[in-house]
Amino acid sequence: MKRQLFSLAASLLVGGAYTHALMAADQTLLLRTPDISKDQLAFVYAGDIWVASREGKEPRRLTSSAADESRPVFSPDGKWIAFTADYNGNTDAYVISADGGQPKRLTYHPDDDVVTGWSPDGKEVLFTSPREVAVGRSQQLYRISASGGYPAKVMDAPVTEADYAPDGKSMAYRPYIQAYRGSSGWRQHRGGTTPPIWIYDFDAKSHVEIPHVNASDLNPIWLGKEVYFLSDRADGAVNLFRYEGQGKAPKQLTENTVWDIRSARGFGDAVAYEAGGRLYELNTKNGRSHEIKVSINPDLPQLQVEWKDAAGMLESASLSPTGKRAVLVARGDIFTVPTDEGSTRNITASDGVRESAALWSPDGSRIAYISDKGGAHQLVIAGQTGMGDSKSYKFDGTAYYNLLSWGGKGEHIIYQDNHLNLFAFDVESGKHRKIATDNRRGDIGVSQSADGRWLAYTVAGANYFNRVMIYDFESGEAFAVTDGLSHASDPAFSLTASISISRHPPTQVQAKWGLICRPRNGRCVSGFMPPSCKLTAVRPSCRNPAMKR
């Protein structure tokens, strides 16, 4: 089996049509963290820093290292760009000429030093670092000469990002991180860790808070006498706001409803920002935005056709019903490999499409999986040989889906969506049936009985303890087999249609409906599960009388 996994390295050729599609595009997307100077636009694409005209014309790459560069920030005169990079395996602050050349490293501390701006005179680069923070997720603000030297701490208070006023007497800053950040954040979070934007006066050694609500304010930009910032306070997407001072309520300048504005920088009377992988520029005088279209045709290593070792990106694996082959998901393709002798088969061999969540049919003749072809998840059923036509089925919604089980006699495929719903797909009719909605995000344990009539699954109660439920496909009814006073997980039907339930931690639980049984004088009676027990079995002869075969 191990030998076959490594043979995947020679079975996946990537690039091809996807490369040609990108090269033929009139507009390049997935552009990040823009900044503007008087004449130029800087942004990040494919982990490198690029510059172009303010209109997005004549783009050229400034950096080409295999390491990631991010957060380019023009100096006030537009001649230099400070940025963050993880060269040499460490995140530090760098500067590079806007005309190109060799980047100059400014910081050398082992903690992450992240560029956040420049001093108004253009002599120093501002960066945040946790280097003197003992615990927690806080950073402090530092300044360092653009020509190198030792950094100096601006103040002891925590600062996550900041921008100086043009006169250098004040700065707008965010004091701490927000819950909604990165790919794992909570969008539209309303609770703790919803930071404000504060304005600090260096002479008075005091701060005022921009009027704040229970929402996340971030990315302060100081232009003239006004502070611009991003916020999700409008109960939609993250948008751009302006604060004019004197305690006035911030004014919303953009009306995005789908894509969050992820980053923004400004110069003069304009703010450049990123939303949905596209770049925009807003005129602060008239409040109008226009898209900056950039077309890049680079010689990126990521776009070259090459052989890839798919075994290094293995997502899941499961044995076939016969145990002779295994189905694997790796690098967005579906493979089957033999457990002893035979060939590796790439079932999907798709370019620019991601497949996932592969399941064997109970008889081992077919494989079901999720495909995002066409821009939305769909269910695909194909032959396990990789030959012949596959059949695709649309889901009823536009959510993200995951296949959980294809058991019983093969009539139903059980799956869930990212809205906590559990469904069954009827393979013969092509119809979808909603089974339940969970009360808490997490894994749903499922199992189908050998005859295909019953589905065991878990659902969280109001106390967040999982209960094991039994669903009857014939009647459409569901009932609980655990009482919810302790956590139950991982239900599994035996081949003789009894139920096994794992409990964590072990505890005494009163049996319900005679489903948890122990023999006494040759008879089956309800009873308690001993504290030492971790598994409780439901014997076929001890079923609830209502459960007719």
Protein backbone atom coordinates (compact mmCIF):
# COMPACT_ATOMS: atom_id res chain seq x y z
CA MET A 1 0.00 0.00 0.00
CA LYS A 2 2.82 2.41 0.93
CA ARG A 3 4.59 1.61 -2.33
CA GLN A 4 1.42 2.40 -4.27
CA LEU A 5 0.96 5.73 -2.50
CA PHE A 6 4.36 6.88 -3.65
CA SER A 7 3.53 5.83 -7.21
CA LEU A 8 1.03 8.70 -7.26
CA ALA A 9 4.01 10.96 -7.87
CA ALA A 10 4.15 9.68 -11.43
CA SER A 11 0.43 9.79 -12.07
CA LEU A 12 -0.47 13.46 -11.81
CA LEU A 13 0.51 15.99 -14.48
CA VAL A 14 -0.58 19.51 -13.62
CA GLY A 15 -0.69 22.74 -15.59
CA GLY A 16 -2.06 22.33 -19.09
CA ALA A 17 -5.43 23.89 -19.87
CA TYR A 18 -5.44 25.86 -16.63
CA THR A 19 -2.19 27.54 -17.64
CA HIS A 20 -3.51 28.46 -21.09
CA ALA A 21 -6.75 29.79 -19.60
CA LEU A 22 -4.83 32.11 -17.28
CA MET A 23 -2.48 33.31 -20.01
CA ALA A 24 -5.37 34.07 -22.32
CA ALA A 25 -7.26 36.11 -19.77
CA ASP A 26 -7.67 39.84 -20.45
CA GLN A 27 -7.68 40.56 -16.73
CA THR A 28 -5.70 38.98 -13.93
CA LEU A 29 -7.51 38.31 -10.65
CA LEU A 30 -6.40 37.38 -7.14
CA LEU A 31 -4.51 40.65 -6.73
CA ARG A 32 -3.81 41.59 -3.10
CA THR A 33 -2.89 44.44 -0.71
CA PRO A 34 -2.67 47.43 -3.09
CA ASP A 35 -1.02 50.79 -2.36
CA ILE A 36 -0.68 53.88 -4.54
CA SER A 37 1.76 56.75 -4.90
CA LYS A 38 1.43 59.82 -7.08
CA ASP A 39 2.12 57.86 -10.26
CA GLN A 40 2.26 54.17 -9.40
CA LEU A 41 0.24 51.23 -8.12
CA ALA A 42 1.84 48.45 -6.05
CA PHE A 43 0.19 45.13 -5.27
CA VAL A 44 0.88 41.47 -4.57
CA TYR A 45 0.25 38.71 -7.08
CA ALA A 46 1.30 35.05 -6.62
CA GLY A 47 3.38 35.99 -3.58
CA ASP A 48 5.45 38.62 -5.43
CA ILE A 49 5.31 42.42 -5.40
CA TRP A 50 4.36 44.14 -8.66
CA VAL A 51 4.15 47.78 -9.69
CA ALA A 52 2.16 49.39 -12.50
CA SER A 53 0.80 52.76 -13.48
CA ARG A 54 -2.11 54.11 -11.45
CA GLU A 55 -4.35 52.83 -14.28
CA GLY A 56 -2.89 49.30 -13.98
CA LYS A 57 -0.94 49.51 -17.23
CA GLU A 58 2.57 48.14 -17.87
CA PRO A 59 2.80 45.92 -14.77
CA ARG A 60 6.26 44.68 -13.83
CA ARG A 61 7.47 42.40 -11.10
CA LEU A 62 9.74 43.86 -8.40
CA THR A 63 10.43 40.67 -6.44
CA SER A 64 10.78 37.09 -7.65
CA SER A 65 11.85 35.06 -4.62
CA ALA A 66 10.19 31.74 -3.89
CA ALA A 67 9.35 33.19 -0.47
CA ASP A 68 6.16 35.19 0.05
CA GLU A 69 6.25 38.98 -0.04
CA SER A 70 3.27 40.99 1.23
CA ARG A 71 1.96 44.39 2.36
CA PRO A 72 3.83 46.76 0.01
CA VAL A 73 3.72 50.38 1.23
CA PHE A 74 5.06 53.34 -0.75
CA SER A 75 7.24 55.91 1.00
CA PRO A 76 5.66 59.40 1.05
CA ASP A 77 7.76 60.46 -1.97
CA GLY A 78 6.92 57.25 -3.86
CA LYS A 79 10.58 56.30 -4.41
CA TRP A 80 10.71 53.33 -2.03
CA ILE A 81 8.47 50.44 -1.07
CA ALA A 82 8.56 48.83 2.37
CA PHE A 83 7.17 45.30 2.57
CA THR A 84 7.04 42.14 4.65
CA ALA A 85 8.71 38.92 3.52
CA ASP A 86 9.59 35.54 4.98
CA TYR A 87 13.01 35.21 3.36
CA ASN A 88 15.32 32.79 5.15
CA GLY A 89 12.37 31.26 6.99
CA ASN A 90 11.61 34.33 9.11
CA THR A 91 9.12 37.18 8.72
CA ASP A 92 10.88 40.55 8.59
CA ALA A 93 10.65 44.11 7.23
CA TYR A 94 12.37 45.04 3.96
CA VAL A 95 12.64 48.01 1.63
CA ILE A 96 13.19 48.07 -2.13
CA SER A 97 13.45 50.85 -4.69
CA ALA A 98 10.23 51.44 -6.61
CA ASP A 99 12.41 51.15 -9.73
CA GLY A 100 13.59 47.68 -8.74
CA GLY A 101 16.80 46.21 -7.37
CA GLN A 102 17.91 44.16 -4.40
CA PRO A 103 15.66 44.30 -1.29
CA LYS A 104 17.31 45.55 1.89
CA ARG A 105 16.55 43.74 5.12
CA LEU A 106 15.72 45.99 8.07
CA THR A 107 14.81 43.64 10.94
CA TYR A 108 16.45 40.48 12.23
CA HIS A 109 14.41 39.44 15.26
CA PRO A 110 13.08 35.83 15.27
CA ASP A 111 9.53 37.06 15.95
CA ASP A 112 7.31 38.26 13.09
CA ASP A 113 7.99 41.87 12.10
CA VAL A 114 5.14 43.14 9.90
CA VAL A 115 5.32 46.42 7.96
CA THR A 116 2.45 48.81 8.63
CA GLY A 117 3.63 52.15 7.15
CA TRP A 118 6.16 55.00 7.03
CA SER A 119 6.93 58.03 9.12
CA PRO A 120 5.59 61.25 7.48
CA ASP A 121 9.11 62.39 6.54
CA GLY A 122 9.86 59.09 4.80
CA LYS A 123 12.96 58.41 6.88
CA GLU A 124 11.60 55.53 8.96
CA VAL A 125 9.57 52.40 8.37
CA LEU A 126 6.88 51.43 10.88
CA PHE A 127 6.32 47.79 11.78
CA THR A 128 4.54 45.78 14.46
CA SER A 129 6.15 42.94 16.39
CA PRO A 130 5.40 40.74 19.45
CA ARG A 131 9.11 40.64 20.33
CA GLU A 132 8.59 42.19 23.79
CA VAL A 133 5.16 40.73 24.53
CA ALA A 134 5.40 37.89 27.02
CA VAL A 135 2.06 36.21 26.33
CA GLY A 136 -1.06 36.59 24.23
CA ARG A 137 -1.63 37.71 20.69
CA SER A 138 -0.62 41.35 20.99
CA GLN A 139 1.98 43.36 19.10
CA GLN A 140 3.69 46.69 19.67
CA LEU A 141 4.65 49.40 17.20
CA TYR A 142 8.28 50.04 16.26
CA ARG A 143 10.11 52.40 13.90
CA ILE A 144 13.40 51.78 12.15
CA SER A 145 15.51 53.85 9.76
CA ALA A 146 14.91 53.02 6.10
CA SER A 147 18.69 52.75 5.74
CA GLY A 148 18.95 50.20 8.56
CA GLY A 149 19.96 50.27 12.20
CA TYR A 150 18.32 49.49 15.52
CA PRO A 151 14.53 49.71 15.89
CA ALA A 152 12.88 51.89 18.52
CA LYS A 153 9.55 51.16 20.19
CA VAL A 154 6.95 53.88 19.60
CA MET A 155 5.01 53.17 22.80
CA ASP A 156 4.32 50.35 25.24
CA ALA A 157 0.63 50.07 24.46
CA PRO A 158 -0.40 47.23 22.11
CA VAL A 159 -0.71 48.18 18.44
CA THR A 160 -1.72 45.84 15.62
CA GLU A 161 -1.55 48.35 12.75
CA ALA A 162 -1.16 52.13 12.53
CA ASP A 163 -0.89 55.13 10.21
CA TYR A 164 0.61 58.51 11.14
CA ALA A 165 -1.09 61.87 10.59
CA PRO A 166 0.68 63.96 7.91
CA ASP A 167 2.16 66.25 10.61
CA GLY A 168 3.43 63.29 12.65
CA LYS A 169 1.79 64.54 15.86
CA SER A 170 -0.91 61.86 15.98
CA MET A 171 -1.54 58.39 14.68
CA ALA A 172 -4.63 56.29 14.01
CA TYR A 173 -4.21 52.71 15.16
CA ARG A 174 -5.97 49.45 15.94
CA PRO A 175 -5.00 48.23 19.41
CA TYR A 176 -5.66 44.50 19.05
CA ILE A 177 -6.54 41.73 16.64
CA GLN A 178 -10.06 40.98 15.45
CA ALA A 179 -11.87 37.63 15.56
CA TYR A 180 -12.54 37.90 11.81
CA ARG A 181 -9.13 37.56 10.22
CA GLY A 182 -7.57 35.29 7.64
CA SER A 183 -9.18 32.17 6.25
CA SER A 184 -10.30 30.88 9.67
CA GLY A 185 -12.01 34.03 10.93
CA TRP A 186 -15.63 34.55 11.88
CA ARG A 187 -17.26 36.82 9.32
CA GLN A 188 -19.68 39.40 10.77
CA HIS A 189 -18.53 38.47 14.26
CA ARG A 190 -20.45 40.26 17.02
CA GLY A 191 -18.93 39.56 20.39
CA GLY A 192 -15.50 39.82 21.94
CA THR A 193 -12.45 40.82 19.92
CA THR A 194 -14.19 43.42 17.76
CA PRO A 195 -11.52 46.14 17.81
CA PRO A 196 -11.96 49.91 17.47
CA ILE A 197 -9.75 52.50 15.79
CA TRP A 198 -8.13 54.92 18.24
CA ILE A 199 -6.37 58.24 17.57
CA TYR A 200 -3.33 58.85 19.75
CA ASP A 201 -1.92 62.32 20.42
CA PHE A 202 1.83 62.05 21.05
CA ASP A 203 2.08 65.44 22.81
CA ALA A 204 -0.93 64.97 25.07
CA LYS A 205 -0.15 61.28 25.57
CA SER A 206 -3.84 60.45 25.32
CA HIS A 207 -6.19 58.89 22.82
CA VAL A 208 -9.73 59.33 21.52
CA GLU A 209 -11.83 56.55 20.04
CA ILE A 210 -13.50 56.80 16.68
CA PRO A 211 -17.23 56.18 17.42
CA HIS A 212 -17.42 52.41 17.68
CA VAL A 213 -20.12 49.75 17.64
CA ASN A 214 -19.91 46.01 18.29
CA ALA A 215 -18.14 45.35 15.00
CA SER A 216 -14.58 45.04 13.68
CA ASP A 217 -12.81 48.26 12.64
CA LEU A 218 -9.42 47.89 11.01
CA ASN A 219 -6.91 49.17 8.44
CA PRO A 220 -6.66 52.89 9.42
CA ILE A 221 -5.57 55.32 6.68
CA TRP A 222 -4.81 58.97 7.46
CA LEU A 223 -5.32 61.33 4.50
CA GLY A 224 -5.25 65.07 5.19
CA LYS A 225 -7.38 65.76 8.26
CA GLU A 226 -9.53 62.65 7.90
CA VAL A 227 -9.14 59.02 8.91
CA TYR A 228 -10.39 56.26 6.64
CA PHE A 229 -10.83 52.69 7.81
CA LEU A 230 -12.47 49.38 7.01
CA SER A 231 -15.38 48.03 9.05
CA ASP A 232 -18.12 45.38 8.95
CA ARG A 233 -20.42 47.56 11.07
CA ALA A 234 -22.96 47.84 8.24
CA ASP A 235 -24.08 44.18 8.78
CA GLY A 236 -23.07 43.20 5.27
CA ALA A 237 -19.63 43.02 3.73
CA VAL A 238 -16.60 44.92 5.04
CA ASN A 239 -16.72 48.44 3.58
CA LEU A 240 -14.71 51.66 3.61
CA PHE A 241 -15.63 54.42 6.09
CA ARG A 242 -14.43 57.97 6.76
CA TYR A 243 -14.12 59.75 10.11
CA GLU A 244 -14.01 63.55 9.99
CA GLY A 245 -13.37 64.20 13.69
CA GLN A 246 -15.23 66.03 16.47
CA GLY A 247 -16.98 62.82 17.48
CA LYS A 248 -19.01 62.68 14.27
CA ALA A 249 -20.37 59.32 13.19
CA PRO A 250 -18.22 57.69 10.49
CA LYS A 251 -19.59 57.88 6.95
CA GLN A 252 -19.82 54.77 4.78
CA LEU A 253 -18.17 55.32 1.38
CA THR A 254 -18.57 51.97 -0.39
CA GLU A 255 -21.61 49.71 -0.69
CA ASN A 256 -20.13 46.24 -1.13
CA THR A 257 -22.60 43.48 -0.30
CA VAL A 258 -20.86 40.31 -1.50
CA TRP A 259 -17.10 40.67 -1.21
CA ASP A 260 -15.35 42.13 1.81
CA ILE A 261 -12.76 44.84 1.28
CA ARG A 262 -9.70 43.02 2.58
CA SER A 263 -7.09 45.80 2.49
CA ALA A 264 -6.73 49.47 1.54
CA ARG A 265 -4.09 52.22 1.30
CA GLY A 266 -4.34 55.86 0.26
CA PHE A 267 -2.54 58.81 -1.30
CA GLY A 268 -3.74 62.36 -1.84
CA ASP A 269 -7.47 62.24 -2.55
CA ALA A 270 -7.65 58.54 -3.49
CA VAL A 271 -7.88 55.19 -1.71
CA ALA A 272 -6.91 51.94 -3.44
CA TYR A 273 -8.55 48.80 -2.11
CA GLU A 274 -8.97 45.09 -2.78
CA ALA A 275 -12.27 43.18 -2.91
CA GLY A 276 -12.94 39.78 -4.45
CA GLY A 277 -9.42 39.59 -5.85
CA ARG A 278 -9.94 42.79 -7.87
CA LEU A 279 -8.41 46.21 -7.32
CA TYR A 280 -10.36 49.47 -7.10
CA GLU A 281 -9.63 53.15 -6.59
CA LEU A 282 -12.02 55.49 -4.77
CA ASN A 283 -12.02 59.24 -5.27
CA THR A 284 -12.47 60.70 -1.79
CA LYS A 285 -13.88 63.98 -3.18
CA ASN A 286 -16.81 62.59 -5.15
CA GLY A 287 -17.08 59.17 -3.47
CA ARG A 288 -16.93 57.24 -6.75
CA SER A 289 -14.97 54.03 -7.27
CA HIS A 290 -13.63 52.49 -10.44
CA GLU A 291 -11.95 49.16 -11.04
CA ILE A 292 -8.24 49.03 -11.84
CA LYS A 293 -7.85 46.26 -14.39
CA VAL A 294 -4.45 44.61 -14.55
CA SER A 295 -3.36 42.01 -17.10
CA ILE A 296 -0.32 39.92 -16.21
CA ASN A 297 1.28 37.16 -18.28
CA PRO A 298 4.20 36.08 -16.08
CA ASP A 299 6.51 33.08 -16.23
CA LEU A 300 5.32 31.79 -12.87
CA PRO A 301 6.67 28.40 -11.77
CA GLN A 302 3.18 27.59 -10.48
CA LEU A 303 1.84 27.71 -14.05
CA GLN A 304 4.39 25.39 -15.60
CA VAL A 305 3.31 21.89 -16.59
CA GLU A 306 5.10 19.47 -14.30
CA TRP A 307 4.87 16.16 -12.49
CA LYS A 308 3.74 16.45 -8.88
CA ASP A 309 4.00 14.00 -5.99
CA ALA A 310 0.33 13.73 -5.10
CA ALA A 311 1.12 11.48 -2.13
CA GLY A 312 2.43 14.50 -0.28
CA MET A 313 -1.02 16.15 -0.44
CA LEU A 314 -3.20 13.19 0.50
CA GLU A 315 -6.57 14.32 1.88
CA SER A 316 -8.39 11.07 2.58
CA ALA A 317 -8.25 7.33 1.94
CA SER A 318 -10.65 4.41 2.32
CA LEU A 319 -10.59 0.73 1.42
CA SER A 320 -12.95 -0.80 -1.10
CA PRO A 321 -15.54 -3.31 0.16
CA THR A 322 -13.30 -6.14 -1.09
CA GLY A 323 -10.19 -4.66 0.49
CA LYS A 324 -8.27 -5.06 -2.77
CA ARG A 325 -8.10 -1.37 -3.63
CA ALA A 326 -8.28 1.98 -1.87
CA VAL A 327 -9.71 5.27 -3.06
CA LEU A 328 -7.58 8.33 -2.36
CA VAL A 329 -8.17 12.05 -2.66
CA ALA A 330 -4.99 13.98 -3.41
CA ARG A 331 -4.27 17.37 -5.05
CA GLY A 332 -7.91 17.72 -6.09
CA ASP A 333 -8.09 14.41 -7.99
CA ILE A 334 -9.56 11.00 -7.19
CA PHE A 335 -7.25 7.97 -7.41
CA THR A 336 -7.63 4.27 -6.72
CA VAL A 337 -4.58 2.19 -5.85
CA PRO A 338 -4.18 -1.55 -5.23
CA THR A 339 -3.35 -2.79 -1.75
CA ASP A 340 -1.02 -5.42 -3.23
CA GLU A 341 -0.48 -5.68 -6.97
CA GLY A 342 -1.97 -3.64 -9.80
CA SER A 343 -1.98 -0.18 -11.32
CA THR A 344 -2.75 3.27 -9.98
CA ARG A 345 -5.81 4.84 -11.62
CA ASN A 346 -6.56 8.55 -11.80
CA ILE A 347 -10.35 8.45 -11.90
CA THR A 348 -10.86 12.16 -12.56
CA ALA A 349 -7.63 13.53 -14.15
CA SER A 350 -9.20 16.99 -14.23
CA ASP A 351 -7.35 20.26 -14.73
CA GLY A 352 -8.63 23.36 -12.97
CA VAL A 353 -11.34 21.38 -11.14
CA ARG A 354 -11.19 20.14 -7.55
CA GLU A 355 -12.69 16.81 -6.57
CA SER A 356 -13.05 15.65 -2.97
CA ALA A 357 -14.88 13.43 -0.46
CA ALA A 358 -14.67 10.15 -2.42
CA LEU A 359 -16.79 7.16 -1.31
CA TRP A 360 -17.03 3.58 -2.54
CA SER A 361 -20.42 2.13 -3.37
CA PRO A 362 -21.30 -0.85 -1.15
CA ASP A 363 -20.65 -3.28 -4.01
CA GLY A 364 -17.35 -1.60 -4.93
CA SER A 365 -18.31 -0.97 -8.55
CA ARG A 366 -18.70 2.82 -8.34
CA ILE A 367 -17.22 5.85 -6.64
CA ALA A 368 -19.10 8.97 -5.56
CA TYR A 369 -17.34 12.29 -5.03
CA ILE A 370 -17.81 16.07 -4.96
CA SER A 371 -16.71 18.22 -7.91
CA ASP A 372 -16.60 22.01 -8.17
CA LYS A 373 -16.76 22.02 -11.97
CA GLY A 374 -18.76 25.00 -13.16
CA GLY A 375 -18.14 26.99 -10.00
CA ALA A 376 -20.52 25.11 -7.69
CA HIS A 377 -20.42 21.80 -5.86
CA GLN A 378 -22.08 18.84 -7.55
CA LEU A 379 -22.31 15.14 -6.81
CA VAL A 380 -20.61 12.82 -9.31
CA ILE A 381 -20.92 9.02 -9.56
CA ALA A 382 -18.38 7.23 -11.74
CA GLY A 383 -17.19 3.69 -12.37
CA GLN A 384 -14.28 2.60 -10.20
CA THR A 385 -12.24 1.59 -13.27
CA GLY A 386 -12.03 5.17 -14.48
CA MET A 387 -13.52 4.11 -17.80
CA GLY A 388 -16.96 4.94 -19.12
CA ASP A 389 -19.13 7.95 -18.50
CA SER A 390 -19.76 9.52 -15.11
CA LYS A 391 -23.05 11.05 -14.04
CA SER A 392 -23.40 14.40 -12.27
CA TYR A 393 -26.20 15.53 -9.98
CA LYS A 394 -26.87 19.08 -8.83
CA PHE A 395 -27.46 19.85 -5.20
CA ASP A 396 -30.60 21.76 -4.26
CA GLY A 397 -28.64 24.67 -2.75
CA THR A 398 -25.44 26.61 -3.40
CA ALA A 399 -23.60 25.67 -0.20
CA TYR A 400 -20.42 23.65 0.29
CA TYR A 401 -20.99 19.93 0.65
CA ASN A 402 -19.21 16.88 2.02
CA LEU A 403 -20.09 13.21 1.45
CA LEU A 404 -20.27 11.12 4.63
CA SER A 405 -21.51 7.61 3.82
CA TRP A 406 -22.64 5.32 1.02
CA GLY A 407 -23.84 2.21 2.81
CA GLY A 408 -26.68 -0.25 3.14
CA LYS A 409 -27.60 -1.69 -0.22
CA GLY A 410 -26.42 1.43 -2.01
CA GLU A 411 -29.75 3.24 -2.20
CA HIS A 412 -28.68 6.38 -0.32
CA ILE A 413 -25.62 8.61 -0.16
CA ILE A 414 -25.50 10.61 3.07
CA TYR A 415 -23.99 14.09 2.95
CA GLN A 416 -23.92 17.39 4.86
CA ASP A 417 -23.57 21.05 3.96
CA ASN A 418 -21.78 23.91 5.68
CA HIS A 419 -25.08 25.13 7.16
CA LEU A 420 -25.25 22.13 9.57
CA ASN A 421 -27.84 20.24 7.49
CA LEU A 422 -27.78 16.48 6.97
CA PHE A 423 -29.19 15.03 3.73
CA ALA A 424 -29.75 11.74 1.95
CA PHE A 425 -29.47 11.39 -1.83
CA ASP A 426 -31.57 8.67 -3.48
CA VAL A 427 -29.26 7.15 -6.09
CA GLU A 428 -32.07 5.67 -8.17
CA SER A 429 -34.45 8.63 -8.30
CA GLY A 430 -31.85 11.41 -8.02
CA LYS A 431 -33.87 13.13 -5.30
CA HIS A 432 -32.48 14.79 -2.17
CA ARG A 433 -34.03 14.37 1.28
CA LYS A 434 -33.26 16.52 4.31
CA ILE A 435 -32.76 14.41 7.43
CA ALA A 436 -31.85 16.85 10.19
CA THR A 437 -30.18 20.12 11.13
CA ASP A 438 -27.49 20.10 13.78
CA ASN A 439 -27.27 22.71 16.54
CA ARG A 440 -23.51 22.97 16.62
CA ARG A 441 -20.77 23.04 14.02
CA GLY A 442 -18.71 19.88 13.99
CA ASP A 443 -18.50 16.39 12.58
CA ILE A 444 -21.70 14.39 12.23
CA GLY A 445 -21.26 10.67 12.85
CA VAL A 446 -23.39 8.50 10.54
CA SER A 447 -23.95 4.82 9.82
CA GLN A 448 -26.42 2.95 7.58
CA SER A 449 -27.86 -0.43 8.44
CA ALA A 450 -27.06 -3.38 6.20
CA ASP A 451 -30.58 -3.49 4.77
CA GLY A 452 -30.49 0.26 4.03
CA ARG A 453 -33.64 1.05 5.99
CA TRP A 454 -32.09 2.73 9.03
CA LEU A 455 -29.67 5.63 9.40
CA ALA A 456 -27.92 6.32 12.69
CA TYR A 457 -26.55 9.83 13.11
CA THR A 458 -25.55 12.29 15.81
CA VAL A 459 -27.03 15.70 16.52
CA ALA A 460 -26.11 18.17 19.27
CA GLY A 461 -28.69 19.06 21.88
CA ALA A 462 -29.22 22.37 23.66
CA ASN A 463 -26.45 21.36 26.10
CA TYR A 464 -24.12 20.63 23.14
CA PHE A 465 -23.96 16.93 24.05
CA ASN A 466 -24.44 14.78 20.97
CA ARG A 467 -27.36 12.37 20.90
CA VAL A 468 -27.58 9.35 18.64
CA MET A 469 -30.67 9.40 16.46
CA ILE A 470 -32.20 6.69 14.28
CA TYR A 471 -33.93 7.65 11.04
CA ASP A 472 -36.34 5.34 9.23
CA PHE A 473 -36.19 5.79 5.46
CA GLU A 474 -39.56 4.05 5.05
CA SER A 475 -41.58 6.23 7.43
CA GLY A 476 -39.40 9.34 7.37
CA GLU A 477 -39.46 9.43 11.18
CA ALA A 478 -36.52 9.87 13.55
CA PHE A 479 -36.12 9.12 17.25
CA ALA A 480 -33.34 9.32 19.84
CA VAL A 481 -31.61 6.25 21.29
CA THR A 482 -29.50 8.15 23.83
CA ASP A 483 -30.80 10.56 26.44
CA GLY A 484 -28.46 13.51 25.80
CA LEU A 485 -27.15 13.60 29.38
CA SER A 486 -23.71 12.55 28.17
CA HIS A 487 -21.86 12.91 24.93
CA ALA A 488 -22.38 10.16 22.33
CA SER A 489 -20.54 9.82 19.04
CA ASP A 490 -19.57 7.51 16.19
CA PRO A 491 -22.64 5.25 15.82
CA ALA A 492 -22.01 2.11 13.80
CA PHE A 493 -24.34 -0.66 12.65
CA SER A 494 -23.00 -4.19 12.82
CA LEU A 495 -23.55 -6.58 9.94
CA THR A 496 -26.46 -8.06 11.90
CA ALA A 497 -28.12 -4.64 12.17
CA SER A 498 -27.37 -4.00 15.84
CA ILE A 499 -26.14 -0.57 16.91
CA SER A 500 -22.89 0.30 18.64
CA ILE A 501 -22.57 3.65 20.39
CA SER A 502 -19.38 5.17 21.74
CA ARG A 503 -19.75 7.38 24.84
CA HIS A 504 -17.23 9.97 26.03
CA PRO A 505 -16.64 10.09 28.91
CA PRO A 506 -17.92 6.75 30.26
CA THR A 507 -20.98 7.32 32.41
CA GLN A 508 -24.17 5.70 33.65
CA VAL A 509 -27.07 6.29 31.29
CA GLN A 510 -30.59 4.89 31.60
CA ALA A 511 -31.55 2.87 28.53
CA LYS A 512 -34.45 4.17 26.46
CA TRP A 513 -37.06 2.01 24.76
CA GLY A 514 -35.04 -1.08 25.61
CA LEU A 515 -32.40 -0.18 23.07
CA ILE A 516 -29.52 -0.59 25.50
CA CYS A 517 -29.81 -4.09 26.88
CA ARG A 518 -28.16 -6.73 28.96
CA PRO A 519 -29.26 -10.37 29.34
CA ARG A 520 -30.85 -11.56 32.60
CA ASN A 521 -31.95 -15.16 32.95
CA GLY A 522 -31.92 -15.50 29.20
CA ARG A 523 -34.14 -12.46 28.75
CA CYS A 524 -33.37 -8.98 27.40
CA VAL A 525 -34.21 -6.14 29.74
CA SER A 526 -33.42 -2.47 29.92
CA GLY A 527 -30.60 -1.52 32.21
CA PHE A 528 -27.78 0.83 33.11
CA MET A 529 -24.45 0.97 31.31
CA PRO A 530 -21.71 0.28 33.89
CA PRO A 531 -19.33 3.22 34.47
CA SER A 532 -16.43 1.18 33.11
CA CYS A 533 -18.16 0.59 29.76
CA LYS A 534 -17.20 2.62 26.71
CA LEU A 535 -19.31 0.75 24.19
CA THR A 536 -22.97 -0.16 24.40
CA ALA A 537 -24.48 -2.57 21.92
CA VAL A 538 -28.12 -2.87 20.92
CA ARG A 539 -28.87 -6.51 20.29
CA PRO A 540 -31.31 -7.32 17.47
CA SER A 541 -33.65 -9.14 19.87
CA CYS A 542 -33.74 -6.12 22.24
CA ARG A 543 -35.05 -3.53 19.82
CA ASN A 544 -37.76 -1.12 20.64
CA PRO A 545 -41.03 -2.87 19.71
CA ALA A 546 -41.87 0.15 17.58
CA MET A 547 -38.92 -0.68 15.36
CA LYS A 548 -40.54 -3.27 13.15
CA ARG A 549 -38.37 -5.03 10.62
